[in-house]
C-alpha atoms as a PDB file:
ATOM      1  CA  UNK A   1     161.376-202.059 129.597  1.00  0.00           C
ATOM      2  CA  UNK A   2     160.490-202.126 126.081  1.00  0.00           C
ATOM      3  CA  UNK A   3     156.842-199.967 125.225  1.00  0.00           C
ATOM      4  CA  UNK A   4     154.508-201.983 123.570  1.00  0.00           C
ATOM      5  CA  UNK A   5     155.411-203.472 119.774  1.00  0.00           C
ATOM      6  CA  UNK A   6     152.193-201.466 118.489  1.00  0.00           C
ATOM      7  CA  UNK A   7     153.597-198.156 119.356  1.00  0.00           C
ATOM      8  CA  UNK A   8     157.041-198.654 117.655  1.00  0.00           C
ATOM      9  CA  UNK A   9     155.598-199.342 113.988  1.00  0.00           C
ATOM     10  CA  UNK A  10     154.764-196.259 111.680  1.00  0.00           C
ATOM     11  CA  UNK A  11     151.690-195.926 112.555  1.00  0.00           C
ATOM     12  CA  UNK A  12     149.122-193.299 113.762  1.00  0.00           C
ATOM     13  CA  UNK A  13     150.000-193.469 117.499  1.00  0.00           C
ATOM     14  CA  UNK A  14     153.643-193.121 117.020  1.00  0.00           C
ATOM     15  CA  UNK A  15     152.916-189.852 114.988  1.00  0.00           C
ATOM     16  CA  UNK A  16     150.695-188.798 117.734  1.00  0.00           C
ATOM     17  CA  UNK A  17     152.957-189.429 120.193  1.00  0.00           C
ATOM     18  CA  UNK A  18     155.928-187.638 118.451  1.00  0.00           C
ATOM     19  CA  UNK A  19     154.807-185.057 116.493  1.00  0.00           C
ATOM     20  CA  UNK A  20     156.877-182.243 116.472  1.00  0.00           C
ATOM     21  CA  UNK A  21     154.270-179.954 115.994  1.00  0.00           C
ATOM     22  CA  UNK A  22     152.768-180.950 119.694  1.00  0.00           C
ATOM     23  CA  UNK A  23     155.410-179.567 121.108  1.00  0.00           C
ATOM     24  CA  UNK A  24     155.317-176.157 119.165  1.00  0.00           C
ATOM     25  CA  UNK A  25     151.825-175.416 120.953  1.00  0.00           C
ATOM     26  CA  UNK A  26     151.856-173.103 124.105  1.00  0.00           C
ATOM     27  CA  UNK A  27     150.339-174.368 127.297  1.00  0.00           C
ATOM     28  CA  UNK A  28     148.416-171.022 127.630  1.00  0.00           C
ATOM     29  CA  UNK A  29     148.078-169.938 124.152  1.00  0.00           C
ATOM     30  CA  UNK A  30     145.686-167.208 124.717  1.00  0.00           C
ATOM     31  CA  UNK A  31     147.888-166.024 127.687  1.00  0.00           C
ATOM     32  CA  UNK A  32     151.209-166.087 125.796  1.00  0.00           C
ATOM     33  CA  UNK A  33     149.362-164.392 122.469  1.00  0.00           C
ATOM     34  CA  UNK A  34     147.855-161.472 124.660  1.00  0.00           C
ATOM     35  CA  UNK A  35     151.128-160.350 126.300  1.00  0.00           C
ATOM     36  CA  UNK A  36     153.039-158.136 123.913  1.00  0.00           C
ATOM     37  CA  UNK A  37     157.000-158.167 124.134  1.00  0.00           C
ATOM     38  CA  UNK A  38     158.559-155.221 126.403  1.00  0.00           C
ATOM     39  CA  UNK A  39     160.809-152.928 124.817  1.00  0.00           C
ATOM     40  CA  UNK A  40     163.689-151.546 126.964  1.00  0.00           C
ATOM     41  CA  UNK A  41     162.826-147.749 127.310  1.00  0.00           C
ATOM     42  CA  UNK A  42     166.274-145.752 126.675  1.00  0.00           C
ATOM     43  CA  UNK A  43     167.153-143.626 129.647  1.00  0.00           C
ATOM     44  CA  UNK A  44     165.292-140.016 129.368  1.00  0.00           C
ATOM     45  CA  UNK A  45     168.605-138.156 129.378  1.00  0.00           C
ATOM     46  CA  UNK A  46     171.051-140.634 127.719  1.00  0.00           C
ATOM     47  CA  UNK A  47     171.757-138.612 124.548  1.00  0.00           C
ATOM     48  CA  UNK A  48     172.327-135.161 126.797  1.00  0.00           C
ATOM     49  CA  UNK A  49     174.489-137.061 129.149  1.00  0.00           C
ATOM     50  CA  UNK A  50     176.287-138.940 126.442  1.00  0.00           C
ATOM     51  CA  UNK A  51     176.683-135.703 124.482  1.00  0.00           C
ATOM     52  CA  UNK A  52     178.222-133.903 127.827  1.00  0.00           C
ATOM     53  CA  UNK A  53     180.589-136.744 128.882  1.00  0.00           C
ATOM     54  CA  UNK A  54     181.857-136.265 125.088  1.00  0.00           C
ATOM     55  CA  UNK A  55     182.529-132.882 125.589  1.00  0.00           C
ATOM     56  CA  UNK A  56     184.561-133.437 129.271  1.00  0.00           C
ATOM     57  CA  UNK A  57     186.429-135.969 127.496  1.00  0.00           C
ATOM     58  CA  UNK A  58     187.480-133.785 124.555  1.00  0.00           C
ATOM     59  CA  UNK A  59     188.194-130.925 127.093  1.00  0.00           C
ATOM     60  CA  UNK A  60     190.519-132.993 129.126  1.00  0.00           C
ATOM     61  CA  UNK A  61     192.031-134.567 126.213  1.00  0.00           C
ATOM     62  CA  UNK A  62     192.859-131.393 124.438  1.00  0.00           C
ATOM     63  CA  UNK A  63     194.125-129.759 127.601  1.00  0.00           C
ATOM     64  CA  UNK A  64     196.136-133.088 128.254  1.00  0.00           C
ATOM     65  CA  UNK A  65     197.995-132.842 123.972  1.00  0.00           C
ATOM     66  CA  UNK A  66     198.190-129.071 124.461  1.00  0.00           C
ATOM     67  CA  UNK A  67     200.403-129.268 127.726  1.00  0.00           C
ATOM     68  CA  UNK A  68     202.212-132.197 126.348  1.00  0.00           C
ATOM     69  CA  UNK A  69     203.264-130.486 123.653  1.00  0.00           C
ATOM     70  CA  UNK A  70     204.474-127.448 125.557  1.00  0.00           C
ATOM     71  CA  UNK A  71     206.617-129.378 127.868  1.00  0.00           C
ATOM     72  CA  UNK A  72     208.112-131.741 125.812  1.00  0.00           C
ATOM     73  CA  UNK A  73     208.477-130.067 122.445  1.00  0.00           C
ATOM     74  CA  UNK A  74     208.491-126.445 122.437  1.00  0.00           C
ATOM     75  CA  UNK A  75     212.539-124.732 123.085  1.00  0.00           C
ATOM     76  CA  UNK A  76     211.636-123.839 126.699  1.00  0.00           C
ATOM     77  CA  UNK A  77     210.099-127.414 127.750  1.00  0.00           C
ATOM     78  CA  UNK A  78     213.168-128.028 129.830  1.00  0.00           C
ATOM     79  CA  UNK A  79     212.217-124.888 132.164  1.00  0.00           C
ATOM     80  CA  UNK A  80     208.563-125.654 131.800  1.00  0.00           C
ATOM     81  CA  UNK A  81     208.729-129.075 133.131  1.00  0.00           C
ATOM     82  CA  UNK A  82     210.944-127.538 136.048  1.00  0.00           C
ATOM     83  CA  UNK A  83     208.238-125.111 136.967  1.00  0.00           C
ATOM     84  CA  UNK A  84     205.227-127.786 136.656  1.00  0.00           C
ATOM     85  CA  UNK A  85     207.469-130.247 139.098  1.00  0.00           C
ATOM     86  CA  UNK A  86     206.362-127.590 142.085  1.00  0.00           C
ATOM     87  CA  UNK A  87     202.726-128.080 143.495  1.00  0.00           C
ATOM     88  CA  UNK A  88     201.955-124.450 143.496  1.00  0.00           C
ATOM     89  CA  UNK A  89     202.130-124.125 139.607  1.00  0.00           C
ATOM     90  CA  UNK A  90     200.779-127.906 138.699  1.00  0.00           C
ATOM     91  CA  UNK A  91     197.927-127.461 140.930  1.00  0.00           C
ATOM     92  CA  UNK A  92     196.314-124.233 139.318  1.00  0.00           C
ATOM     93  CA  UNK A  93     196.911-125.914 136.114  1.00  0.00           C
ATOM     94  CA  UNK A  94     194.946-128.989 136.938  1.00  0.00           C
ATOM     95  CA  UNK A  95     192.096-126.959 138.624  1.00  0.00           C
ATOM     96  CA  UNK A  96     191.435-124.771 135.619  1.00  0.00           C
ATOM     97  CA  UNK A  97     190.897-127.872 133.580  1.00  0.00           C
ATOM     98  CA  UNK A  98     189.085-129.125 135.922  1.00  0.00           C
ATOM     99  CA  UNK A  99     187.085-126.160 136.042  1.00  0.00           C
ATOM    100  CA  UNK A 100     186.285-125.847 132.158  1.00  0.00           C
ATOM    101  CA  UNK A 101     185.541-129.090 132.106  1.00  0.00           C
ATOM    102  CA  UNK A 102     182.778-128.847 134.632  1.00  0.00           C
ATOM    103  CA  UNK A 103     181.106-125.790 133.321  1.00  0.00           C
ATOM    104  CA  UNK A 104     181.543-127.021 129.849  1.00  0.00           C
ATOM    105  CA  UNK A 105     179.610-130.383 130.706  1.00  0.00           C
ATOM    106  CA  UNK A 106     177.119-128.405 132.388  1.00  0.00           C
ATOM    107  CA  UNK A 107     176.611-126.043 129.238  1.00  0.00           C
ATOM    108  CA  UNK A 108     176.289-128.769 126.434  1.00  0.00           C
ATOM    109  CA  UNK A 109     173.979-130.988 128.854  1.00  0.00           C
ATOM    110  CA  UNK A 110     171.673-128.118 129.423  1.00  0.00           C
ATOM    111  CA  UNK A 111     171.921-127.032 126.097  1.00  0.00           C
ATOM    112  CA  UNK A 112     170.843-130.659 124.447  1.00  0.00           C
ATOM    113  CA  UNK A 113     168.312-131.518 127.311  1.00  0.00           C
ATOM    114  CA  UNK A 114     166.511-128.340 126.252  1.00  0.00           C
ATOM    115  CA  UNK A 115     166.705-128.995 122.648  1.00  0.00           C
ATOM    116  CA  UNK A 116     165.310-132.480 123.009  1.00  0.00           C
ATOM    117  CA  UNK A 117     162.441-131.558 125.237  1.00  0.00           C
ATOM    118  CA  UNK A 118     161.871-128.910 122.744  1.00  0.00           C
ATOM    119  CA  UNK A 119     161.695-131.238 119.699  1.00  0.00           C
ATOM    120  CA  UNK A 120     159.520-133.610 122.099  1.00  0.00           C
ATOM    121  CA  UNK A 121     161.653-136.608 121.301  1.00  0.00           C
ATOM    122  CA  UNK A 122     164.721-138.393 122.890  1.00  0.00           C
ATOM    123  CA  UNK A 123     166.816-139.379 119.837  1.00  0.00           C
ATOM    124  CA  UNK A 124     168.127-137.895 116.548  1.00  0.00           C
ATOM    125  CA  UNK A 125     168.370-139.967 113.246  1.00  0.00           C
ATOM    126  CA  UNK A 126     171.771-139.556 112.754  1.00  0.00           C
ATOM    127  CA  UNK A 127     173.803-139.300 116.218  1.00  0.00           C
ATOM    128  CA  UNK A 128     176.852-140.385 114.549  1.00  0.00           C
ATOM    129  CA  UNK A 129     176.382-137.229 112.489  1.00  0.00           C
ATOM    130  CA  UNK A 130     175.650-135.071 115.631  1.00  0.00           C
ATOM    131  CA  UNK A 131     178.601-136.350 117.630  1.00  0.00           C
ATOM    132  CA  UNK A 132     181.328-136.006 114.873  1.00  0.00           C
ATOM    133  CA  UNK A 133     179.866-132.574 114.371  1.00  0.00           C
ATOM    134  CA  UNK A 134     179.963-131.715 117.845  1.00  0.00           C
ATOM    135  CA  UNK A 135     183.590-133.006 118.449  1.00  0.00           C
ATOM    136  CA  UNK A 136     184.909-131.255 115.511  1.00  0.00           C
ATOM    137  CA  UNK A 137     183.213-127.952 116.216  1.00  0.00           C
ATOM    138  CA  UNK A 138     184.805-128.394 119.892  1.00  0.00           C
ATOM    139  CA  UNK A 139     188.168-128.740 119.071  1.00  0.00           C
ATOM    140  CA  UNK A 140     187.775-125.747 116.777  1.00  0.00           C
ATOM    141  CA  UNK A 141     186.789-123.731 119.610  1.00  0.00           C
ATOM    142  CA  UNK A 142     189.084-124.743 121.883  1.00  0.00           C
ATOM    143  CA  UNK A 143     192.309-124.276 119.597  1.00  0.00           C
ATOM    144  CA  UNK A 144     190.751-121.028 119.255  1.00  0.00           C
ATOM    145  CA  UNK A 145     190.048-119.800 122.653  1.00  0.00           C
ATOM    146  CA  UNK A 146     193.546-121.155 123.178  1.00  0.00           C
ATOM    147  CA  UNK A 147     195.030-119.104 120.709  1.00  0.00           C
ATOM    148  CA  UNK A 148     193.375-115.711 121.971  1.00  0.00           C
ATOM    149  CA  UNK A 149     194.353-116.539 125.252  1.00  0.00           C
ATOM    150  CA  UNK A 150     198.015-117.000 124.567  1.00  0.00           C
ATOM    151  CA  UNK A 151     198.175-113.741 122.565  1.00  0.00           C
ATOM    152  CA  UNK A 152     196.131-111.971 125.291  1.00  0.00           C
ATOM    153  CA  UNK A 153     198.526-113.040 127.865  1.00  0.00           C
ATOM    154  CA  UNK A 154     201.842-112.232 125.995  1.00  0.00           C
ATOM    155  CA  UNK A 155     200.553-108.765 125.376  1.00  0.00           C
ATOM    156  CA  UNK A 156     199.134-108.303 129.155  1.00  0.00           C
ATOM    157  CA  UNK A 157     202.688-109.589 130.055  1.00  0.00           C
ATOM    158  CA  UNK A 158     204.402-106.782 128.390  1.00  0.00           C
ATOM    159  CA  UNK A 159     202.170-103.870 129.577  1.00  0.00           C
ATOM    160  CA  UNK A 160     202.672-105.192 133.056  1.00  0.00           C
ATOM    161  CA  UNK A 161     205.974-105.431 132.871  1.00  0.00           C
ATOM    162  CA  UNK A 162     206.067-101.628 132.295  1.00  0.00           C
ATOM    163  CA  UNK A 163     202.878-100.066 134.094  1.00  0.00           C
ATOM    164  CA  UNK A 164     202.215-102.366 137.067  1.00  0.00           C
ATOM    165  CA  UNK A 165     204.272-104.639 139.893  1.00  0.00           C
ATOM    166  CA  UNK A 166     203.414-108.258 141.058  1.00  0.00           C
ATOM    167  CA  UNK A 167     200.166-107.407 142.496  1.00  0.00           C
ATOM    168  CA  UNK A 168     199.024-106.281 139.247  1.00  0.00           C
ATOM    169  CA  UNK A 169     200.663-109.662 137.629  1.00  0.00           C
ATOM    170  CA  UNK A 170     198.652-111.851 139.453  1.00  0.00           C
ATOM    171  CA  UNK A 171     195.249-110.412 139.225  1.00  0.00           C
ATOM    172  CA  UNK A 172     195.330-109.609 135.136  1.00  0.00           C
ATOM    173  CA  UNK A 173     197.072-112.919 134.491  1.00  0.00           C
ATOM    174  CA  UNK A 174     195.820-115.239 137.302  1.00  0.00           C
ATOM    175  CA  UNK A 175     192.226-113.808 137.213  1.00  0.00           C
ATOM    176  CA  UNK A 176     191.026-112.178 134.486  1.00  0.00           C
ATOM    177  CA  UNK A 177     192.495-114.083 131.559  1.00  0.00           C
ATOM    178  CA  UNK A 178     191.368-117.718 133.230  1.00  0.00           C
ATOM    179  CA  UNK A 179     187.651-116.100 133.635  1.00  0.00           C
ATOM    180  CA  UNK A 180     187.434-114.818 130.030  1.00  0.00           C
ATOM    181  CA  UNK A 181     189.014-118.048 128.576  1.00  0.00           C
ATOM    182  CA  UNK A 182     186.151-119.922 130.703  1.00  0.00           C
ATOM    183  CA  UNK A 183     183.549-117.381 129.547  1.00  0.00           C
ATOM    184  CA  UNK A 184     184.628-117.875 125.991  1.00  0.00           C
ATOM    185  CA  UNK A 185     184.211-121.504 126.280  1.00  0.00           C
ATOM    186  CA  UNK A 186     180.977-121.884 127.645  1.00  0.00           C
ATOM    187  CA  UNK A 187     179.553-119.563 125.213  1.00  0.00           C
ATOM    188  CA  UNK A 188     181.450-121.385 122.454  1.00  0.00           C
ATOM    189  CA  UNK A 189     180.322-124.880 123.919  1.00  0.00           C
ATOM    190  CA  UNK A 190     176.599-123.567 123.850  1.00  0.00           C
ATOM    191  CA  UNK A 191     176.873-122.390 119.865  1.00  0.00           C
ATOM    192  CA  UNK A 192     178.407-125.691 119.116  1.00  0.00           C
ATOM    193  CA  UNK A 193     175.405-127.709 120.426  1.00  0.00           C
ATOM    194  CA  UNK A 194     173.346-125.043 118.740  1.00  0.00           C
ATOM    195  CA  UNK A 195     174.821-125.885 115.262  1.00  0.00           C
ATOM    196  CA  UNK A 196     175.782-129.761 115.548  1.00  0.00           C
ATOM    197  CA  UNK A 197     171.616-130.004 116.397  1.00  0.00           C
ATOM    198  CA  UNK A 198     170.850-128.487 113.375  1.00  0.00           C
ATOM    199  CA  UNK A 199     172.289-131.398 111.137  1.00  0.00           C
ATOM    200  CA  UNK A 200     169.961-133.885 112.897  1.00  0.00           C
ATOM    201  CA  UNK A 201     166.301-133.946 112.750  1.00  0.00           C
ATOM    202  CA  UNK A 202     164.211-135.899 115.901  1.00  0.00           C
ATOM    203  CA  UNK A 203     163.579-139.491 115.768  1.00  0.00           C
ATOM    204  CA  UNK A 204     162.000-142.650 117.842  1.00  0.00           C
ATOM    205  CA  UNK A 205     158.709-142.039 119.556  1.00  0.00           C
ATOM    206  CA  UNK A 206     157.377-138.883 120.779  1.00  0.00           C
ATOM    207  CA  UNK A 207     158.248-137.591 124.493  1.00  0.00           C
ATOM    208  CA  UNK A 208     160.905-135.670 125.480  1.00  0.00           C
ATOM    209  CA  UNK A 209     163.286-135.796 128.042  1.00  0.00           C
ATOM    210  CA  UNK A 210     161.668-135.077 131.674  1.00  0.00           C
ATOM    211  CA  UNK A 211     163.600-132.731 133.946  1.00  0.00           C
ATOM    212  CA  UNK A 212     163.957-134.603 137.613  1.00  0.00           C
ATOM    213  CA  UNK A 213     164.941-134.115 141.152  1.00  0.00           C
ATOM    214  CA  UNK A 214     168.300-135.680 140.555  1.00  0.00           C
ATOM    215  CA  UNK A 215     168.967-133.679 137.631  1.00  0.00           C
ATOM    216  CA  UNK A 216     168.425-130.664 139.757  1.00  0.00           C
ATOM    217  CA  UNK A 217     170.587-131.481 142.436  1.00  0.00           C
ATOM    218  CA  UNK A 218     173.324-132.687 140.343  1.00  0.00           C
ATOM    219  CA  UNK A 219     173.131-128.846 138.276  1.00  0.00           C
ATOM    220  CA  UNK A 220     173.590-127.449 141.993  1.00  0.00           C
ATOM    221  CA  UNK A 221     176.335-129.409 143.265  1.00  0.00           C
ATOM    222  CA  UNK A 222     178.256-128.978 140.101  1.00  0.00           C
ATOM    223  CA  UNK A 223     177.457-125.351 139.854  1.00  0.00           C
ATOM    224  CA  UNK A 224     178.790-125.492 143.501  1.00  0.00           C
ATOM    225  CA  UNK A 225     181.876-127.445 142.134  1.00  0.00           C
ATOM    226  CA  UNK A 226     182.610-125.130 139.570  1.00  0.00           C
ATOM    227  CA  UNK A 227     182.846-122.007 141.878  1.00  0.00           C
ATOM    228  CA  UNK A 228     184.621-123.684 144.040  1.00  0.00           C
ATOM    229  CA  UNK A 229     187.573-124.453 141.612  1.00  0.00           C
ATOM    230  CA  UNK A 230     186.908-120.908 140.576  1.00  0.00           C
ATOM    231  CA  UNK A 231     187.803-119.261 143.578  1.00  0.00           C
ATOM    232  CA  UNK A 232     190.654-121.808 144.207  1.00  0.00           C
ATOM    233  CA  UNK A 233     192.103-120.713 140.557  1.00  0.00           C
ATOM    234  CA  UNK A 234     191.333-117.025 141.986  1.00  0.00           C
ATOM    235  CA  UNK A 235     193.061-116.620 145.175  1.00  0.00           C
ATOM    236  CA  UNK A 236     194.364-120.324 146.358  1.00  0.00           C
ATOM    237  CA  UNK A 237     197.891-119.624 144.475  1.00  0.00           C
ATOM    238  CA  UNK A 238     198.128-116.085 145.831  1.00  0.00           C
ATOM    239  CA  UNK A 239     197.150-117.198 149.211  1.00  0.00           C
ATOM    240  CA  UNK A 240     199.288-120.487 149.532  1.00  0.00           C
ATOM    241  CA  UNK A 241     202.368-119.136 147.775  1.00  0.00           C
ATOM    242  CA  UNK A 242     202.822-116.886 150.773  1.00  0.00           C
ATOM    243  CA  UNK A 243     203.433-119.544 152.831  1.00  0.00           C
ATOM    244  CA  UNK A 244     206.846-121.223 152.572  1.00  0.00           C
ATOM    245  CA  UNK A 245     206.043-124.674 154.153  1.00  0.00           C
ATOM    246  CA  UNK A 246     203.117-125.797 151.974  1.00  0.00           C
ATOM    247  CA  UNK A 247     203.647-129.414 150.397  1.00  0.00           C
ATOM    248  CA  UNK A 248     202.307-131.689 147.901  1.00  0.00           C
ATOM    249  CA  UNK A 249     199.451-132.842 150.330  1.00  0.00           C
ATOM    250  CA  UNK A 250     198.410-129.424 151.238  1.00  0.00           C
ATOM    251  CA  UNK A 251     197.833-128.620 147.998  1.00  0.00           C
ATOM    252  CA  UNK A 252     196.464-132.071 146.900  1.00  0.00           C
ATOM    253  CA  UNK A 253     194.229-131.532 149.987  1.00  0.00           C
ATOM    254  CA  UNK A 254     192.969-127.778 148.817  1.00  0.00           C
ATOM    255  CA  UNK A 255     192.764-128.488 144.854  1.00  0.00           C
ATOM    256  CA  UNK A 256     191.739-132.154 144.698  1.00  0.00           C
ATOM    257  CA  UNK A 257     190.094-133.570 148.097  1.00  0.00           C
ATOM    258  CA  UNK A 258     188.148-130.542 149.058  1.00  0.00           C
ATOM    259  CA  UNK A 259     186.131-129.933 146.078  1.00  0.00           C
ATOM    260  CA  UNK A 260     185.296-133.535 145.758  1.00  0.00           C
ATOM    261  CA  UNK A 261     184.100-133.707 149.006  1.00  0.00           C
ATOM    262  CA  UNK A 262     182.153-130.413 148.828  1.00  0.00           C
ATOM    263  CA  UNK A 263     180.400-131.813 145.507  1.00  0.00           C
ATOM    264  CA  UNK A 264     179.219-135.193 147.105  1.00  0.00           C
ATOM    265  CA  UNK A 265     178.343-133.200 150.134  1.00  0.00           C
ATOM    266  CA  UNK A 266     176.018-130.524 148.432  1.00  0.00           C
ATOM    267  CA  UNK A 267     174.396-132.996 146.092  1.00  0.00           C
ATOM    268  CA  UNK A 268     173.241-135.542 148.572  1.00  0.00           C
ATOM    269  CA  UNK A 269     171.822-132.742 150.385  1.00  0.00           C
ATOM    270  CA  UNK A 270     170.229-131.182 147.710  1.00  0.00           C
ATOM    271  CA  UNK A 271     168.590-134.593 146.548  1.00  0.00           C
ATOM    272  CA  UNK A 272     167.298-134.759 150.597  1.00  0.00           C
ATOM    273  CA  UNK A 273     165.895-131.072 150.732  1.00  0.00           C
ATOM    274  CA  UNK A 274     164.925-130.233 146.776  1.00  0.00           C
ATOM    275  CA  UNK A 275     160.870-131.143 145.987  1.00  0.00           C
ATOM    276  CA  UNK A 276     160.256-134.013 144.152  1.00  0.00           C
ATOM    277  CA  UNK A 277     158.636-133.783 141.563  1.00  0.00           C
ATOM    278  CA  UNK A 278     160.542-130.810 140.804  1.00  0.00           C
ATOM    279  CA  UNK A 279     157.941-129.042 139.171  1.00  0.00           C
ATOM    280  CA  UNK A 280     158.331-126.425 136.550  1.00  0.00           C
ATOM    281  CA  UNK A 281     161.901-125.660 137.479  1.00  0.00           C
ATOM    282  CA  UNK A 282     164.579-126.238 135.070  1.00  0.00           C
ATOM    283  CA  UNK A 283     168.204-126.150 134.760  1.00  0.00           C
ATOM    284  CA  UNK A 284     168.635-122.247 135.321  1.00  0.00           C
ATOM    285  CA  UNK A 285     167.364-122.476 138.442  1.00  0.00           C
ATOM    286  CA  UNK A 286     169.429-125.301 139.815  1.00  0.00           C
ATOM    287  CA  UNK A 287     172.230-123.165 138.491  1.00  0.00           C
ATOM    288  CA  UNK A 288     170.730-120.210 140.239  1.00  0.00           C
ATOM    289  CA  UNK A 289     170.852-122.167 143.228  1.00  0.00           C
ATOM    290  CA  UNK A 290     174.029-123.703 143.741  1.00  0.00           C
ATOM    291  CA  UNK A 291     175.454-119.939 142.784  1.00  0.00           C
ATOM    292  CA  UNK A 292     173.667-118.640 145.913  1.00  0.00           C
ATOM    293  CA  UNK A 293     174.457-121.495 147.957  1.00  0.00           C
ATOM    294  CA  UNK A 294     178.085-121.365 147.420  1.00  0.00           C
ATOM    295  CA  UNK A 295     178.449-117.142 147.851  1.00  0.00           C
ATOM    296  CA  UNK A 296     176.291-116.956 150.968  1.00  0.00           C
ATOM    297  CA  UNK A 297     178.674-119.295 152.457  1.00  0.00           C
ATOM    298  CA  UNK A 298     181.843-117.419 151.320  1.00  0.00           C
ATOM    299  CA  UNK A 299     179.980-114.486 152.615  1.00  0.00           C
ATOM    300  CA  UNK A 300     178.737-115.999 155.998  1.00  0.00           C
ATOM    301  CA  UNK A 301     182.447-117.407 156.431  1.00  0.00           C
ATOM    302  CA  UNK A 302     184.140-114.050 156.018  1.00  0.00           C
ATOM    303  CA  UNK A 303     181.665-112.276 158.106  1.00  0.00           C
ATOM    304  CA  UNK A 304     182.481-114.877 160.818  1.00  0.00           C
ATOM    305  CA  UNK A 305     186.372-115.004 160.375  1.00  0.00           C
ATOM    306  CA  UNK A 306     186.710-111.672 160.513  1.00  0.00           C
ATOM    307  CA  UNK A 307     184.874-111.407 163.859  1.00  0.00           C
ATOM    308  CA  UNK A 308     186.891-114.234 165.399  1.00  0.00           C
ATOM    309  CA  UNK A 309     190.238-112.198 164.020  1.00  0.00           C
ATOM    310  CA  UNK A 310     188.744-109.296 165.707  1.00  0.00           C
ATOM    311  CA  UNK A 311     188.270-111.469 169.230  1.00  0.00           C
ATOM    312  CA  UNK A 312     191.887-112.878 169.117  1.00  0.00           C
ATOM    313  CA  UNK A 313     195.365-111.632 170.147  1.00  0.00           C
ATOM    314  CA  UNK A 314     198.098-111.789 167.629  1.00  0.00           C
ATOM    315  CA  UNK A 315     199.698-114.744 169.686  1.00  0.00           C
ATOM    316  CA  UNK A 316     196.313-116.876 169.985  1.00  0.00           C
ATOM    317  CA  UNK A 317     195.978-116.090 165.814  1.00  0.00           C
ATOM    318  CA  UNK A 318     199.604-117.594 165.327  1.00  0.00           C
ATOM    319  CA  UNK A 319     198.766-120.811 167.449  1.00  0.00           C
ATOM    320  CA  UNK A 320     195.605-120.869 166.075  1.00  0.00           C
ATOM    321  CA  UNK A 321     197.207-120.970 162.475  1.00  0.00           C
ATOM    322  CA  UNK A 322     199.748-123.907 163.324  1.00  0.00           C
ATOM    323  CA  UNK A 323     196.889-126.159 164.982  1.00  0.00           C
ATOM    324  CA  UNK A 324     195.394-129.048 163.012  1.00  0.00           C
ATOM    325  CA  UNK A 325     192.354-128.957 165.049  1.00  0.00           C
ATOM    326  CA  UNK A 326     191.579-125.550 163.873  1.00  0.00           C
ATOM    327  CA  UNK A 327     191.887-126.303 160.667  1.00  0.00           C
ATOM    328  CA  UNK A 328     189.847-129.321 160.930  1.00  0.00           C
ATOM    329  CA  UNK A 329     187.039-127.239 162.795  1.00  0.00           C
ATOM    330  CA  UNK A 330     187.075-124.442 160.239  1.00  0.00           C
ATOM    331  CA  UNK A 331     186.813-127.164 157.111  1.00  0.00           C
ATOM    332  CA  UNK A 332     183.582-128.198 159.391  1.00  0.00           C
ATOM    333  CA  UNK A 333     182.491-124.938 159.584  1.00  0.00           C
ATOM    334  CA  UNK A 334     182.754-124.449 156.386  1.00  0.00           C
ATOM    335  CA  UNK A 335     180.973-127.412 155.237  1.00  0.00           C
ATOM    336  CA  UNK A 336     177.951-126.294 157.591  1.00  0.00           C
ATOM    337  CA  UNK A 337     177.603-122.953 155.982  1.00  0.00           C
ATOM    338  CA  UNK A 338     177.614-124.998 152.694  1.00  0.00           C
ATOM    339  CA  UNK A 339     174.401-126.800 153.674  1.00  0.00           C
ATOM    340  CA  UNK A 340     172.939-124.073 155.216  1.00  0.00           C
ATOM    341  CA  UNK A 341     173.434-122.254 151.809  1.00  0.00           C
ATOM    342  CA  UNK A 342     171.733-124.926 150.108  1.00  0.00           C
ATOM    343  CA  UNK A 343     168.791-125.085 152.626  1.00  0.00           C
ATOM    344  CA  UNK A 344     168.336-121.250 152.296  1.00  0.00           C
ATOM    345  CA  UNK A 345     168.535-121.820 148.400  1.00  0.00           C
ATOM    346  CA  UNK A 346     165.729-124.253 148.234  1.00  0.00           C
ATOM    347  CA  UNK A 347     163.591-121.795 150.255  1.00  0.00           C
ATOM    348  CA  UNK A 348     164.046-119.066 148.191  1.00  0.00           C
ATOM    349  CA  UNK A 349     163.737-120.856 144.721  1.00  0.00           C
ATOM    350  CA  UNK A 350     161.787-123.856 145.023  1.00  0.00           C
ATOM    351  CA  UNK A 351     159.145-122.734 148.009  1.00  0.00           C
ATOM    352  CA  UNK A 352     156.098-121.867 145.952  1.00  0.00           C
ATOM    353  CA  UNK A 353     154.564-117.950 147.040  1.00  0.00           C
ATOM    354  CA  UNK A 354     151.681-118.198 149.557  1.00  0.00           C
ATOM    355  CA  UNK A 355     149.972-116.504 146.667  1.00  0.00           C
ATOM    356  CA  UNK A 356     150.470-119.319 144.233  1.00  0.00           C
ATOM    357  CA  UNK A 357     149.472-121.830 146.827  1.00  0.00           C
ATOM    358  CA  UNK A 358     146.167-119.872 147.494  1.00  0.00           C
ATOM    359  CA  UNK A 359     145.297-119.871 143.968  1.00  0.00           C
ATOM    360  CA  UNK A 360     145.869-123.739 143.759  1.00  0.00           C
END
């Protein structure tokens, strides 16, 4: 059916019906004009998180390149490949890299987060310059620490071969040098962040990132993970080397799977028990919380193990050592001790005193 003829000619009716200006007018002009466009706000800790993640990636990539060079391009590469094909040598190496990455990530996140809060900002004017300077300085730091530890290892090895036995060799090379290297990397990572932040200026809206409960929980959980990996480095190789039947599965459980389970467990417990909001607490208290929880669990575990050994005969100890059920029960007890340590740490570090409560 066609429209009336008087609407088809070029007249005022046609212009009135098909005038495009009519379709550009909003139905509710006052409402549309009064509603501002909402810009998506960035994640409060995104810059600190990205810098920490960059540090972890750089640390792992540097370790992969350094080990690849030593395994494939050195004169003794064939011997090193044969050594690293055995779990008792490969797993401690991977654990050392993971420990260093955890502590470097915590250090970089804390230093950058603190700088953003002090400058009352969430962004910088030249982020590429910040990340470029940070990566370059971190690579120089890692190279310097590697050279220093290799030199120190060679010097101590010559001394140990003359003056000490196997126990001294283990204590010196396995514990002292690894701890020294990680300590130097932590201190260096902090200095790298401080130097890199001097090359940029705060930008964006005022208001620094907030330190929330989830930050405290993850810092505590990662600190417990770092200590667990450190203990694996210090004692795991020596203790497991005494058991000739230990294979890849046992090493993977002890060095990889168990630390991941501990991280997830302790972080979830901290998310449940820590106060929300977290108040005036900062990263230092979270790291102290993780340290207290871990070492309290170690002390209680050693004490319980000592009492259990005193209460059993030699034949009972042999049967327990060969029992998978006893191993599972031991892991459950250890997990319970870590949970208890997290709760005790929360009461000791996050519960306000009565005097402060009465003052409020």
